[in-house]
Amino acid sequence: MTKALRPSGKAPSAKDVSGAEDSVHSGSSMNPLETAQYVAEFSAELSYFARKANLDLLAYLLDMARLEAIRTVQSGDKDD
């Protein structure tokens, strides 16, 4: 997985987020299954950070996103 953004104590600006997105995906186009796999991995990391910060609802929602991404990857694998 690519290097994840780490909390710095302040919320990232729109420029920070778009810059990180550009560096992660510059020059590459991911297919839907690759994107779902990336979302699954990244949302797991974000959920971990949310739980450590006692943001239980946010962690739960991130876990739901992770499970949906995993379901998408698994159903895509069956189509092959």
PDB file of N, CA and C in Angstrom:
ATOM      1  N   MET A   1       0.839  -1.176   0.000  1.00  0.00           N
ATOM      2  CA  MET A   1       0.000   0.000   0.000  1.00  0.00           C
ATOM      3  C   MET A   1       0.882   1.237   0.000  1.00  0.00           C
ATOM      4  N   THR A   2       0.372   2.317  -0.477  1.00  0.00           N
ATOM      5  CA  THR A   2       1.139   3.553  -0.509  1.00  0.00           C
ATOM      6  C   THR A   2       1.224   4.150   0.885  1.00  0.00           C
ATOM      7  N   LYS A   3       2.122   5.085   1.043  1.00  0.00           N
ATOM      8  CA  LYS A   3       2.313   5.742   2.333  1.00  0.00           C
ATOM      9  C   LYS A   3       1.058   6.511   2.711  1.00  0.00           C
ATOM     10  N   ALA A   4       0.552   6.260   3.902  1.00  0.00           N
ATOM     11  CA  ALA A   4      -0.657   6.919   4.376  1.00  0.00           C
ATOM     12  C   ALA A   4      -0.316   8.269   4.976  1.00  0.00           C
ATOM     13  N   LEU A   5      -1.276   9.178   4.916  1.00  0.00           N
ATOM     14  CA  LEU A   5      -1.118  10.468   5.568  1.00  0.00           C
ATOM     15  C   LEU A   5      -1.214  10.258   7.074  1.00  0.00           C
ATOM     16  N   ARG A   6      -0.367  10.884   7.810  1.00  0.00           N
ATOM     17  CA  ARG A   6      -0.382  10.758   9.264  1.00  0.00           C
ATOM     18  C   ARG A   6      -0.940  12.036   9.868  1.00  0.00           C
ATOM     19  N   PRO A   7      -1.673  11.894  10.977  1.00  0.00           N
ATOM     20  CA  PRO A   7      -2.246  13.079  11.608  1.00  0.00           C
ATOM     21  C   PRO A   7      -1.154  14.035  12.084  1.00  0.00           C
ATOM     22  N   SER A   8      -1.362  15.318  11.836  1.00  0.00           N
ATOM     23  CA  SER A   8      -0.379  16.311  12.232  1.00  0.00           C
ATOM     24  C   SER A   8      -0.910  17.247  13.305  1.00  0.00           C
ATOM     25  N   GLY A   9      -2.117  16.978  13.787  1.00  0.00           N
ATOM     26  CA  GLY A   9      -2.693  17.844  14.796  1.00  0.00           C
ATOM     27  C   GLY A   9      -3.612  18.904  14.220  1.00  0.00           C
ATOM     28  N   LYS A  10      -3.601  19.076  12.903  1.00  0.00           N
ATOM     29  CA  LYS A  10      -4.503  20.028  12.266  1.00  0.00           C
ATOM     30  C   LYS A  10      -5.130  19.371  11.045  1.00  0.00           C
ATOM     31  N   ALA A  11      -6.292  19.853  10.692  1.00  0.00           N
ATOM     32  CA  ALA A  11      -6.991  19.289   9.536  1.00  0.00           C
ATOM     33  C   ALA A  11      -6.265  19.685   8.257  1.00  0.00           C
ATOM     34  N   PRO A  12      -6.162  18.755   7.296  1.00  0.00           N
ATOM     35  CA  PRO A  12      -5.499  19.096   6.036  1.00  0.00           C
ATOM     36  C   PRO A  12      -6.341  20.067   5.225  1.00  0.00           C
ATOM     37  N   SER A  13      -5.684  20.927   4.495  1.00  0.00           N
ATOM     38  CA  SER A  13      -6.398  21.845   3.613  1.00  0.00           C
ATOM     39  C   SER A  13      -6.794  21.110   2.342  1.00  0.00           C
ATOM     40  N   ALA A  14      -7.635  21.729   1.541  1.00  0.00           N
ATOM     41  CA  ALA A  14      -8.036  21.128   0.268  1.00  0.00           C
ATOM     42  C   ALA A  14      -6.818  20.919  -0.624  1.00  0.00           C
ATOM     43  N   LYS A  15      -5.870  21.845  -0.565  1.00  0.00           N
ATOM     44  CA  LYS A  15      -4.645  21.708  -1.364  1.00  0.00           C
ATOM     45  C   LYS A  15      -3.822  20.503  -0.901  1.00  0.00           C
ATOM     46  N   ASP A  16      -3.729  20.298   0.435  1.00  0.00           N
ATOM     47  CA  ASP A  16      -2.989  19.149   0.966  1.00  0.00           C
ATOM     48  C   ASP A  16      -3.595  17.842   0.481  1.00  0.00           C
ATOM     49  N   VAL A  17      -4.900  17.746   0.533  1.00  0.00           N
ATOM     50  CA  VAL A  17      -5.594  16.518   0.152  1.00  0.00           C
ATOM     51  C   VAL A  17      -5.448  16.268  -1.339  1.00  0.00           C
ATOM     52  N   SER A  18      -5.663  17.285  -2.166  1.00  0.00           N
ATOM     53  CA  SER A  18      -5.556  17.072  -3.606  1.00  0.00           C
ATOM     54  C   SER A  18      -4.116  16.788  -4.009  1.00  0.00           C
ATOM     55  N   GLY A  19      -3.159  17.398  -3.325  1.00  0.00           N
ATOM     56  CA  GLY A  19      -1.758  17.121  -3.616  1.00  0.00           C
ATOM     57  C   GLY A  19      -1.387  15.690  -3.277  1.00  0.00           C
ATOM     58  N   ALA A  20      -1.887  15.193  -2.167  1.00  0.00           N
ATOM     59  CA  ALA A  20      -1.626  13.801  -1.780  1.00  0.00           C
ATOM     60  C   ALA A  20      -2.277  12.856  -2.778  1.00  0.00           C
ATOM     61  N   GLU A  21      -3.468  13.185  -3.203  1.00  0.00           N
ATOM     62  CA  GLU A  21      -4.177  12.352  -4.179  1.00  0.00           C
ATOM     63  C   GLU A  21      -3.403  12.300  -5.486  1.00  0.00           C
ATOM     64  N   ASP A  22      -2.893  13.452  -5.923  1.00  0.00           N
ATOM     65  CA  ASP A  22      -2.124  13.490  -7.166  1.00  0.00           C
ATOM     66  C   ASP A  22      -0.863  12.647  -7.067  1.00  0.00           C
ATOM     67  N   SER A  23      -0.176  12.705  -5.922  1.00  0.00           N
ATOM     68  CA  SER A  23       1.068  11.948  -5.789  1.00  0.00           C
ATOM     69  C   SER A  23       0.814  10.454  -5.715  1.00  0.00           C
ATOM     70  N   VAL A  24      -0.314  10.052  -5.170  1.00  0.00           N
ATOM     71  CA  VAL A  24      -0.645   8.634  -5.068  1.00  0.00           C
ATOM     72  C   VAL A  24      -0.980   8.057  -6.433  1.00  0.00           C
ATOM     73  N   HIS A  25      -1.695   8.808  -7.245  1.00  0.00           N
ATOM     74  CA  HIS A  25      -2.223   8.270  -8.498  1.00  0.00           C
ATOM     75  C   HIS A  25      -1.656   8.930  -9.745  1.00  0.00           C
ATOM     76  N   SER A  26      -0.598   9.702  -9.636  1.00  0.00           N
ATOM     77  CA  SER A  26      -0.089  10.401 -10.811  1.00  0.00           C
ATOM     78  C   SER A  26       0.405   9.409 -11.856  1.00  0.00           C
ATOM     79  N   GLY A  27      -0.065   9.585 -13.059  1.00  0.00           N
ATOM     80  CA  GLY A  27       0.384   8.760 -14.163  1.00  0.00           C
ATOM     81  C   GLY A  27      -0.200   7.363 -14.190  1.00  0.00           C
ATOM     82  N   SER A  28      -1.085   7.028 -13.282  1.00  0.00           N
ATOM     83  CA  SER A  28      -1.663   5.691 -13.288  1.00  0.00           C
ATOM     84  C   SER A  28      -3.176   5.794 -13.240  1.00  0.00           C
ATOM     85  N   SER A  29      -3.819   4.844 -13.886  1.00  0.00           N
ATOM     86  CA  SER A  29      -5.265   4.788 -13.758  1.00  0.00           C
ATOM     87  C   SER A  29      -5.606   3.433 -13.183  1.00  0.00           C
ATOM     88  N   MET A  30      -6.268   3.460 -12.064  1.00  0.00           N
ATOM     89  CA  MET A  30      -6.611   2.225 -11.374  1.00  0.00           C
ATOM     90  C   MET A  30      -7.971   1.745 -11.852  1.00  0.00           C
ATOM     91  N   ASN A  31      -8.099   0.449 -12.010  1.00  0.00           N
ATOM     92  CA  ASN A  31      -9.400  -0.094 -12.371  1.00  0.00           C
ATOM     93  C   ASN A  31     -10.261  -0.168 -11.107  1.00  0.00           C
ATOM     94  N   PRO A  32     -11.554  -0.445 -11.250  1.00  0.00           N
ATOM     95  CA  PRO A  32     -12.438  -0.446 -10.070  1.00  0.00           C
ATOM     96  C   PRO A  32     -12.008  -1.414  -8.963  1.00  0.00           C
ATOM     97  N   LEU A  33     -11.502  -2.587  -9.322  1.00  0.00           N
ATOM     98  CA  LEU A  33     -11.080  -3.531  -8.285  1.00  0.00           C
ATOM     99  C   LEU A  33      -9.843  -3.039  -7.537  1.00  0.00           C
ATOM    100  N   GLU A  34      -8.915  -2.430  -8.255  1.00  0.00           N
ATOM    101  CA  GLU A  34      -7.736  -1.863  -7.600  1.00  0.00           C
ATOM    102  C   GLU A  34      -8.132  -0.710  -6.679  1.00  0.00           C
ATOM    103  N   THR A  35      -9.076   0.088  -7.133  1.00  0.00           N
ATOM    104  CA  THR A  35      -9.559   1.200  -6.321  1.00  0.00           C
ATOM    105  C   THR A  35     -10.234   0.684  -5.056  1.00  0.00           C
ATOM    106  N   ALA A  36     -11.073  -0.338  -5.197  1.00  0.00           N
ATOM    107  CA  ALA A  36     -11.746  -0.917  -4.035  1.00  0.00           C
ATOM    108  C   ALA A  36     -10.737  -1.501  -3.055  1.00  0.00           C
ATOM    109  N   GLN A  37      -9.694  -2.144  -3.560  1.00  0.00           N
ATOM    110  CA  GLN A  37      -8.650  -2.695  -2.692  1.00  0.00           C
ATOM    111  C   GLN A  37      -7.938  -1.579  -1.945  1.00  0.00           C
ATOM    112  N   TYR A  38      -7.632  -0.502  -2.636  1.00  0.00           N
ATOM    113  CA  TYR A  38      -6.982   0.655  -2.009  1.00  0.00           C
ATOM    114  C   TYR A  38      -7.871   1.246  -0.918  1.00  0.00           C
ATOM    115  N   VAL A  39      -9.152   1.406  -1.217  1.00  0.00           N
ATOM    116  CA  VAL A  39     -10.099   1.955  -0.236  1.00  0.00           C
ATOM    117  C   VAL A  39     -10.172   1.043   0.984  1.00  0.00           C
ATOM    118  N   ALA A  40     -10.197  -0.266   0.773  1.00  0.00           N
ATOM    119  CA  ALA A  40     -10.245  -1.214   1.888  1.00  0.00           C
ATOM    120  C   ALA A  40      -9.038  -1.043   2.802  1.00  0.00           C
ATOM    121  N   GLU A  41      -7.867  -0.951   2.219  1.00  0.00           N
ATOM    122  CA  GLU A  41      -6.641  -0.828   3.007  1.00  0.00           C
ATOM    123  C   GLU A  41      -6.561   0.518   3.726  1.00  0.00           C
ATOM    124  N   PHE A  42      -6.870   1.582   3.005  1.00  0.00           N
ATOM    125  CA  PHE A  42      -6.736   2.920   3.577  1.00  0.00           C
ATOM    126  C   PHE A  42      -7.797   3.174   4.643  1.00  0.00           C
ATOM    127  N   SER A  43      -9.016   2.695   4.422  1.00  0.00           N
ATOM    128  CA  SER A  43     -10.069   2.899   5.422  1.00  0.00           C
ATOM    129  C   SER A  43      -9.772   2.114   6.697  1.00  0.00           C
ATOM    130  N   ALA A  44      -9.075   0.982   6.592  1.00  0.00           N
ATOM    131  CA  ALA A  44      -8.674   0.240   7.793  1.00  0.00           C
ATOM    132  C   ALA A  44      -7.705   1.079   8.629  1.00  0.00           C
ATOM    133  N   GLU A  45      -6.761   1.720   7.971  1.00  0.00           N
ATOM    134  CA  GLU A  45      -5.816   2.582   8.690  1.00  0.00           C
ATOM    135  C   GLU A  45      -6.525   3.768   9.329  1.00  0.00           C
ATOM    136  N   LEU A  46      -7.423   4.393   8.573  1.00  0.00           N
ATOM    137  CA  LEU A  46      -8.149   5.538   9.115  1.00  0.00           C
ATOM    138  C   LEU A  46      -9.028   5.135  10.287  1.00  0.00           C
ATOM    139  N   SER A  47      -9.653   3.975  10.200  1.00  0.00           N
ATOM    140  CA  SER A  47     -10.477   3.483  11.298  1.00  0.00           C
ATOM    141  C   SER A  47      -9.645   3.279  12.556  1.00  0.00           C
ATOM    142  N   TYR A  48      -8.441   2.745  12.388  1.00  0.00           N
ATOM    143  CA  TYR A  48      -7.537   2.546  13.515  1.00  0.00           C
ATOM    144  C   TYR A  48      -7.246   3.887  14.208  1.00  0.00           C
ATOM    145  N   PHE A  49      -6.923   4.906  13.418  1.00  0.00           N
ATOM    146  CA  PHE A  49      -6.634   6.222  13.996  1.00  0.00           C
ATOM    147  C   PHE A  49      -7.871   6.806  14.674  1.00  0.00           C
ATOM    148  N   ALA A  50      -9.034   6.622  14.063  1.00  0.00           N
ATOM    149  CA  ALA A  50     -10.272   7.134  14.654  1.00  0.00           C
ATOM    150  C   ALA A  50     -10.549   6.455  15.995  1.00  0.00           C
ATOM    151  N   ARG A  51     -10.350   5.157  16.079  1.00  0.00           N
ATOM    152  CA  ARG A  51     -10.563   4.438  17.342  1.00  0.00           C
ATOM    153  C   ARG A  51      -9.589   4.912  18.423  1.00  0.00           C
ATOM    154  N   LYS A  52      -8.329   5.121  18.048  1.00  0.00           N
ATOM    155  CA  LYS A  52      -7.338   5.603  19.020  1.00  0.00           C
ATOM    156  C   LYS A  52      -7.730   6.976  19.569  1.00  0.00           C
ATOM    157  N   ALA A  53      -8.438   7.764  18.771  1.00  0.00           N
ATOM    158  CA  ALA A  53      -8.864   9.100  19.179  1.00  0.00           C
ATOM    159  C   ALA A  53     -10.265   9.085  19.795  1.00  0.00           C
ATOM    160  N   ASN A  54     -10.781   7.886  20.063  1.00  0.00           N
ATOM    161  CA  ASN A  54     -12.122   7.720  20.645  1.00  0.00           C
ATOM    162  C   ASN A  54     -13.224   8.314  19.769  1.00  0.00           C
ATOM    163  N   LEU A  55     -13.036   8.240  18.462  1.00  0.00           N
ATOM    164  CA  LEU A  55     -14.053   8.685  17.502  1.00  0.00           C
ATOM    165  C   LEU A  55     -14.775   7.435  16.996  1.00  0.00           C
ATOM    166  N   ASP A  56     -15.577   6.858  17.897  1.00  0.00           N
ATOM    167  CA  ASP A  56     -16.157   5.546  17.637  1.00  0.00           C
ATOM    168  C   ASP A  56     -17.107   5.509  16.446  1.00  0.00           C
ATOM    169  N   LEU A  57     -17.946   6.517  16.302  1.00  0.00           N
ATOM    170  CA  LEU A  57     -18.871   6.523  15.166  1.00  0.00           C
ATOM    171  C   LEU A  57     -18.106   6.629  13.853  1.00  0.00           C
ATOM    172  N   LEU A  58     -17.132   7.498  13.799  1.00  0.00           N
ATOM    173  CA  LEU A  58     -16.314   7.638  12.601  1.00  0.00           C
ATOM    174  C   LEU A  58     -15.583   6.329  12.295  1.00  0.00           C
ATOM    175  N   ALA A  59     -15.036   5.688  13.322  1.00  0.00           N
ATOM    176  CA  ALA A  59     -14.355   4.405  13.130  1.00  0.00           C
ATOM    177  C   ALA A  59     -15.324   3.363  12.583  1.00  0.00           C
ATOM    178  N   TYR A  60     -16.528   3.342  13.119  1.00  0.00           N
ATOM    179  CA  TYR A  60     -17.550   2.402  12.647  1.00  0.00           C
ATOM    180  C   TYR A  60     -17.867   2.639  11.169  1.00  0.00           C
ATOM    181  N   LEU A  61     -18.068   3.887  10.793  1.00  0.00           N
ATOM    182  CA  LEU A  61     -18.394   4.205   9.400  1.00  0.00           C
ATOM    183  C   LEU A  61     -17.238   3.832   8.466  1.00  0.00           C
ATOM    184  N   LEU A  62     -16.027   4.075   8.905  1.00  0.00           N
ATOM    185  CA  LEU A  62     -14.866   3.679   8.106  1.00  0.00           C
ATOM    186  C   LEU A  62     -14.780   2.158   7.981  1.00  0.00           C
ATOM    187  N   ASP A  63     -15.135   1.439   9.042  1.00  0.00           N
ATOM    188  CA  ASP A  63     -15.170  -0.022   8.974  1.00  0.00           C
ATOM    189  C   ASP A  63     -16.236  -0.503   7.988  1.00  0.00           C
ATOM    190  N   MET A  64     -17.367   0.182   7.949  1.00  0.00           N
ATOM    191  CA  MET A  64     -18.420  -0.185   6.988  1.00  0.00           C
ATOM    192  C   MET A  64     -17.935   0.050   5.557  1.00  0.00           C
ATOM    193  N   ALA A  65     -17.224   1.155   5.338  1.00  0.00           N
ATOM    194  CA  ALA A  65     -16.655   1.425   4.010  1.00  0.00           C
ATOM    195  C   ALA A  65     -15.643   0.341   3.646  1.00  0.00           C
ATOM    196  N   ARG A  66     -14.831  -0.067   4.617  1.00  0.00           N
ATOM    197  CA  ARG A  66     -13.840  -1.130   4.379  1.00  0.00           C
ATOM    198  C   ARG A  66     -14.528  -2.437   4.003  1.00  0.00           C
ATOM    199  N   LEU A  67     -15.570  -2.797   4.741  1.00  0.00           N
ATOM    200  CA  LEU A  67     -16.284  -4.042   4.445  1.00  0.00           C
ATOM    201  C   LEU A  67     -16.939  -4.006   3.065  1.00  0.00           C
ATOM    202  N   GLU A  68     -17.498  -2.871   2.696  1.00  0.00           N
ATOM    203  CA  GLU A  68     -18.101  -2.739   1.364  1.00  0.00           C
ATOM    204  C   GLU A  68     -17.038  -2.842   0.274  1.00  0.00           C
ATOM    205  N   ALA A  69     -15.894  -2.241   0.507  1.00  0.00           N
ATOM    206  CA  ALA A  69     -14.806  -2.331  -0.468  1.00  0.00           C
ATOM    207  C   ALA A  69     -14.328  -3.772  -0.604  1.00  0.00           C
ATOM    208  N   ILE A  70     -14.203  -4.483   0.511  1.00  0.00           N
ATOM    209  CA  ILE A  70     -13.799  -5.890   0.472  1.00  0.00           C
ATOM    210  C   ILE A  70     -14.830  -6.715  -0.285  1.00  0.00           C
ATOM    211  N   ARG A  71     -16.109  -6.450  -0.026  1.00  0.00           N
ATOM    212  CA  ARG A  71     -17.179  -7.171  -0.730  1.00  0.00           C
ATOM    213  C   ARG A  71     -17.076  -6.935  -2.229  1.00  0.00           C
ATOM    214  N   THR A  72     -16.776  -5.714  -2.614  1.00  0.00           N
ATOM    215  CA  THR A  72     -16.621  -5.380  -4.026  1.00  0.00           C
ATOM    216  C   THR A  72     -15.450  -6.135  -4.643  1.00  0.00           C
ATOM    217  N   VAL A  73     -14.339  -6.187  -3.932  1.00  0.00           N
ATOM    218  CA  VAL A  73     -13.173  -6.907  -4.437  1.00  0.00           C
ATOM    219  C   VAL A  73     -13.489  -8.396  -4.576  1.00  0.00           C
ATOM    220  N   GLN A  74     -14.125  -8.961  -3.556  1.00  0.00           N
ATOM    221  CA  GLN A  74     -14.443 -10.385  -3.605  1.00  0.00           C
ATOM    222  C   GLN A  74     -15.433 -10.730  -4.700  1.00  0.00           C
ATOM    223  N   SER A  75     -16.438  -9.881  -4.906  1.00  0.00           N
ATOM    224  CA  SER A  75     -17.403 -10.158  -5.972  1.00  0.00           C
ATOM    225  C   SER A  75     -16.762  -9.952  -7.348  1.00  0.00           C
ATOM    226  N   GLY A  76     -15.824  -9.036  -7.437  1.00  0.00           N
ATOM    227  CA  GLY A  76     -15.103  -8.820  -8.696  1.00  0.00           C
ATOM    228  C   GLY A  76     -14.194  -9.983  -9.032  1.00  0.00           C
ATOM    229  N   ASP A  77     -13.592 -10.580  -8.004  1.00  0.00           N
ATOM    230  CA  ASP A  77     -12.729 -11.745  -8.196  1.00  0.00           C
ATOM    231  C   ASP A  77     -13.540 -12.939  -8.718  1.00  0.00           C
ATOM    232  N   LYS A  78     -14.772 -13.063  -8.299  1.00  0.00           N
ATOM    233  CA  LYS A  78     -15.624 -14.180  -8.730  1.00  0.00           C
ATOM    234  C   LYS A  78     -16.029 -14.057 -10.194  1.00  0.00           C
ATOM    235  N   ASP A  79     -16.033 -12.816 -10.713  1.00  0.00           N
ATOM    236  CA  ASP A  79     -16.434 -12.579 -12.099  1.00  0.00           C
ATOM    237  C   ASP A  79     -15.399 -13.092 -13.083  1.00  0.00           C
ATOM    238  N   ASP A  80     -14.160 -13.285 -12.658  1.00  0.00           N
ATOM    239  CA  ASP A  80     -13.067 -13.703 -13.544  1.00  0.00           C
ATOM    240  C   ASP A  80     -13.182 -15.148 -13.972  1.00  0.00           C
TER     241      ASP A  80
END
